[in-house]
N, C-alpha and C. Protein backbone atom coordinates (compact mmCIF):
# COMPACT_ATOMS: atom_id res chain seq x y z
N SER A 1 4.10 -19.44 -24.11
CA SER A 1 2.91 -19.84 -24.71
C SER A 1 3.06 -21.39 -24.94
N GLN A 2 1.97 -22.10 -24.90
CA GLN A 2 1.96 -23.48 -25.09
C GLN A 2 1.08 -23.82 -26.33
N LEU A 3 1.48 -24.84 -27.07
CA LEU A 3 0.65 -25.46 -28.08
C LEU A 3 0.43 -26.88 -27.91
N PHE A 4 -0.79 -27.32 -27.95
CA PHE A 4 -1.07 -28.77 -27.78
C PHE A 4 -2.48 -29.00 -28.38
N ASN A 5 -2.80 -30.27 -28.61
CA ASN A 5 -4.02 -30.64 -29.21
C ASN A 5 -5.16 -30.92 -28.20
N LYS A 6 -6.32 -30.99 -28.60
CA LYS A 6 -7.56 -31.19 -27.77
C LYS A 6 -7.51 -32.40 -27.05
N GLU A 7 -6.93 -33.47 -27.69
CA GLU A 7 -6.95 -34.87 -27.12
C GLU A 7 -6.04 -34.77 -25.83
N LEU A 8 -4.97 -34.02 -25.81
CA LEU A 8 -4.08 -33.89 -24.57
C LEU A 8 -4.91 -33.32 -23.49
N ILE A 9 -5.65 -32.25 -23.74
CA ILE A 9 -6.51 -31.59 -22.72
C ILE A 9 -7.60 -32.62 -22.13
N ASN A 10 -8.10 -33.44 -23.02
CA ASN A 10 -9.07 -34.42 -22.61
C ASN A 10 -8.43 -35.46 -21.76
N GLU A 11 -7.11 -35.67 -21.88
CA GLU A 11 -6.45 -36.72 -21.10
C GLU A 11 -5.96 -36.16 -19.78
N VAL A 12 -5.30 -34.95 -19.74
CA VAL A 12 -4.67 -34.51 -18.57
C VAL A 12 -5.55 -33.34 -17.88
N GLY A 13 -6.50 -32.87 -18.44
CA GLY A 13 -7.39 -31.81 -17.96
C GLY A 13 -6.95 -30.48 -18.25
N LEU A 14 -7.78 -29.47 -17.95
CA LEU A 14 -7.53 -28.10 -18.22
C LEU A 14 -6.50 -27.50 -17.11
N LEU A 15 -6.20 -26.31 -17.31
CA LEU A 15 -5.36 -25.66 -16.34
C LEU A 15 -6.06 -25.57 -14.94
N ASP A 16 -5.36 -25.82 -13.86
CA ASP A 16 -5.89 -25.91 -12.55
C ASP A 16 -6.29 -24.38 -12.14
N GLU A 17 -7.48 -24.15 -11.89
CA GLU A 17 -7.99 -22.82 -11.55
C GLU A 17 -7.61 -22.34 -10.17
N LYS A 18 -7.08 -23.25 -9.35
CA LYS A 18 -6.63 -22.86 -8.01
C LYS A 18 -5.21 -22.35 -8.01
N ILE A 19 -4.57 -22.47 -9.19
CA ILE A 19 -3.20 -21.93 -9.38
C ILE A 19 -3.24 -20.64 -10.18
N PHE A 20 -2.67 -19.56 -9.66
CA PHE A 20 -2.76 -18.30 -10.21
C PHE A 20 -1.41 -17.68 -10.75
N TYR A 21 -1.30 -17.16 -11.81
CA TYR A 21 -0.25 -16.21 -12.28
C TYR A 21 1.16 -16.96 -12.27
N GLY A 22 1.31 -17.87 -13.13
CA GLY A 22 2.55 -18.44 -13.32
C GLY A 22 2.72 -20.01 -13.22
N PRO A 23 2.46 -20.49 -11.93
CA PRO A 23 2.76 -21.92 -11.76
C PRO A 23 1.76 -22.80 -12.36
N GLU A 24 0.62 -22.27 -13.00
CA GLU A 24 -0.35 -23.09 -13.65
C GLU A 24 0.38 -23.81 -14.90
N ASP A 25 1.22 -23.10 -15.46
CA ASP A 25 1.96 -23.73 -16.61
C ASP A 25 2.80 -24.88 -16.14
N ALA A 26 3.52 -24.70 -15.08
CA ALA A 26 4.35 -25.81 -14.60
C ALA A 26 3.53 -26.93 -14.15
N ASP A 27 2.43 -26.70 -13.47
CA ASP A 27 1.51 -27.77 -13.06
C ASP A 27 1.02 -28.51 -14.24
N PHE A 28 0.64 -27.80 -15.32
CA PHE A 28 0.10 -28.42 -16.49
C PHE A 28 1.16 -29.30 -17.17
N CYS A 29 2.36 -28.89 -17.21
CA CYS A 29 3.47 -29.62 -17.90
C CYS A 29 3.82 -30.82 -16.94
N LEU A 30 3.73 -30.70 -15.62
CA LEU A 30 3.96 -31.86 -14.75
C LEU A 30 2.94 -32.99 -15.03
N ARG A 31 1.68 -32.55 -15.18
CA ARG A 31 0.61 -33.55 -15.31
C ARG A 31 0.80 -34.19 -16.76
N ILE A 32 1.25 -33.43 -17.73
CA ILE A 32 1.52 -34.06 -18.96
C ILE A 32 2.67 -35.07 -18.89
N ARG A 33 3.78 -34.70 -18.21
CA ARG A 33 4.94 -35.69 -18.02
C ARG A 33 4.44 -36.94 -17.30
N LYS A 34 3.58 -36.75 -16.33
CA LYS A 34 3.13 -37.90 -15.57
C LYS A 34 2.32 -38.87 -16.41
N GLN A 35 1.70 -38.33 -17.50
CA GLN A 35 1.04 -39.22 -18.42
C GLN A 35 1.95 -39.85 -19.48
N GLY A 36 3.25 -39.52 -19.44
CA GLY A 36 4.25 -40.17 -20.29
C GLY A 36 4.69 -39.30 -21.55
N TYR A 37 4.08 -38.16 -21.66
CA TYR A 37 4.40 -37.39 -22.85
C TYR A 37 5.76 -36.52 -22.55
N LYS A 38 6.26 -36.08 -23.60
CA LYS A 38 7.48 -35.31 -23.54
C LYS A 38 7.08 -33.75 -23.64
N ILE A 39 7.80 -32.88 -22.95
CA ILE A 39 7.61 -31.43 -23.16
C ILE A 39 8.79 -31.00 -24.03
N MET A 40 8.39 -30.18 -25.04
CA MET A 40 9.40 -29.72 -25.96
C MET A 40 9.48 -28.13 -25.88
N CYS A 41 10.54 -27.64 -25.94
CA CYS A 41 10.74 -26.17 -25.95
C CYS A 41 11.44 -25.72 -27.34
N TYR A 42 10.79 -24.73 -27.83
CA TYR A 42 11.33 -24.14 -29.07
C TYR A 42 11.80 -22.68 -28.81
N PRO A 43 13.06 -22.53 -28.43
CA PRO A 43 13.50 -21.29 -27.97
C PRO A 43 13.51 -20.14 -29.05
N ASN A 44 13.46 -20.47 -30.23
CA ASN A 44 13.41 -19.48 -31.30
C ASN A 44 11.97 -18.96 -31.75
N ALA A 45 11.00 -19.68 -31.16
CA ALA A 45 9.55 -19.34 -31.47
C ALA A 45 9.31 -17.94 -30.76
N ARG A 46 8.57 -17.03 -31.47
CA ARG A 46 8.12 -15.82 -30.92
C ARG A 46 6.74 -15.55 -31.03
N MET A 47 6.15 -14.98 -30.00
CA MET A 47 4.74 -14.58 -29.98
C MET A 47 4.55 -13.17 -29.48
N THR A 48 3.67 -12.33 -30.05
CA THR A 48 3.52 -10.96 -29.65
C THR A 48 2.08 -10.81 -29.18
N HIS A 49 1.99 -10.21 -27.98
CA HIS A 49 0.67 -9.95 -27.39
C HIS A 49 0.25 -8.61 -27.94
N SER A 50 -0.92 -8.40 -28.50
CA SER A 50 -1.31 -7.14 -29.02
C SER A 50 -2.12 -6.34 -28.05
N TYR A 51 -2.10 -6.76 -26.77
CA TYR A 51 -2.80 -5.95 -25.76
C TYR A 51 -2.09 -6.16 -24.39
N GLN A 52 -2.41 -5.15 -23.48
CA GLN A 52 -1.80 -5.35 -22.17
C GLN A 52 -2.44 -6.35 -21.33
N ARG A 53 -1.70 -6.96 -20.44
CA ARG A 53 -2.33 -7.96 -19.49
C ARG A 53 -3.31 -7.36 -18.59
N ARG A 54 -4.28 -8.11 -18.31
CA ARG A 54 -5.37 -7.63 -17.38
C ARG A 54 -4.73 -7.35 -16.07
N SER A 55 -3.78 -8.08 -15.63
CA SER A 55 -3.19 -7.89 -14.31
C SER A 55 -2.43 -6.63 -14.20
N TYR A 56 -2.06 -6.04 -15.29
CA TYR A 56 -1.29 -4.81 -15.23
C TYR A 56 -1.87 -3.65 -14.43
N LYS A 57 -3.19 -3.58 -14.45
CA LYS A 57 -3.83 -2.49 -13.82
C LYS A 57 -4.44 -2.85 -12.44
N ILE A 58 -4.17 -4.07 -11.99
CA ILE A 58 -4.61 -4.52 -10.70
C ILE A 58 -3.52 -4.24 -9.66
N LYS A 59 -3.98 -3.77 -8.43
CA LYS A 59 -2.93 -3.47 -7.52
C LYS A 59 -2.13 -4.72 -7.15
N GLN A 60 -0.84 -4.46 -6.86
CA GLN A 60 0.02 -5.68 -6.74
C GLN A 60 -0.12 -6.51 -5.49
N ALA A 61 -0.50 -5.81 -4.32
CA ALA A 61 -0.54 -6.60 -3.02
C ALA A 61 -1.57 -7.68 -3.09
N PRO A 62 -2.73 -7.48 -3.57
CA PRO A 62 -3.74 -8.62 -3.70
C PRO A 62 -3.17 -9.79 -4.65
N ILE A 63 -2.44 -9.35 -5.68
CA ILE A 63 -2.03 -10.37 -6.65
C ILE A 63 -0.83 -11.16 -5.98
N LEU A 64 0.00 -10.46 -5.23
CA LEU A 64 1.14 -11.11 -4.57
C LEU A 64 0.59 -12.23 -3.65
N LEU A 65 -0.46 -11.91 -2.87
CA LEU A 65 -1.02 -12.83 -1.85
C LEU A 65 -1.66 -13.98 -2.52
N LYS A 66 -2.33 -13.74 -3.65
CA LYS A 66 -3.00 -14.86 -4.36
C LYS A 66 -1.90 -15.68 -5.01
N HIS A 67 -0.87 -15.06 -5.53
CA HIS A 67 0.24 -15.90 -6.09
C HIS A 67 0.92 -16.72 -5.12
N LEU A 68 1.19 -16.23 -3.91
CA LEU A 68 1.83 -16.98 -2.85
C LEU A 68 0.97 -18.16 -2.43
N LYS A 69 -0.34 -18.02 -2.35
CA LYS A 69 -1.25 -19.04 -1.95
C LYS A 69 -1.23 -20.14 -3.09
N ALA A 70 -1.14 -19.63 -4.39
CA ALA A 70 -1.07 -20.67 -5.42
C ALA A 70 0.31 -21.45 -5.43
N LEU A 71 1.34 -20.77 -5.09
CA LEU A 71 2.59 -21.52 -4.90
C LEU A 71 2.62 -22.53 -3.91
N ILE A 72 1.97 -22.21 -2.71
CA ILE A 72 1.84 -23.18 -1.61
C ILE A 72 0.97 -24.38 -2.10
N TYR A 73 -0.18 -24.06 -2.79
CA TYR A 73 -1.08 -25.12 -3.34
C TYR A 73 -0.26 -26.02 -4.27
N PHE A 74 0.42 -25.36 -5.11
CA PHE A 74 1.26 -26.14 -6.18
C PHE A 74 2.27 -26.98 -5.46
N TRP A 75 2.98 -26.52 -4.44
CA TRP A 75 3.98 -27.30 -3.83
C TRP A 75 3.25 -28.50 -3.14
N ASN A 76 2.23 -28.30 -2.40
CA ASN A 76 1.50 -29.37 -1.77
C ASN A 76 0.91 -30.47 -2.76
N LYS A 77 0.55 -29.93 -3.93
CA LYS A 77 -0.10 -30.82 -4.97
C LYS A 77 0.96 -31.81 -5.50
N HIS A 78 2.21 -31.21 -5.66
CA HIS A 78 3.16 -32.02 -6.43
C HIS A 78 4.34 -32.54 -5.59
N LYS A 79 4.41 -32.30 -4.36
CA LYS A 79 5.48 -32.72 -3.44
C LYS A 79 5.41 -34.22 -3.35
N THR A 80 6.65 -34.76 -3.31
CA THR A 80 6.76 -36.20 -3.24
C THR A 80 7.74 -36.53 -2.05
N VAL A 81 7.49 -37.64 -1.41
CA VAL A 81 8.36 -38.05 -0.33
C VAL A 81 9.38 -39.04 -0.89
N ASN A 82 10.66 -38.80 -0.72
CA ASN A 82 11.74 -39.61 -1.23
C ASN A 82 12.21 -40.54 -0.19
């Protein structure tokens, strides 16, 4: 889970809707770092979800394909030439 203020969203934008099931968090954090902010982790923080994920009932094959496409998109979006 992530906590941030509205001003940050106004500056870096919302989560990228082209990225599905996981890498959208990494994309968001990379965009935050590119703006010069630090990412902090609080390993002792706990959060409990009171309901099952929507994806739990979806067949896994379509999700896997969508996830792989999102990973390719993520890689192409953030790759750099050294």
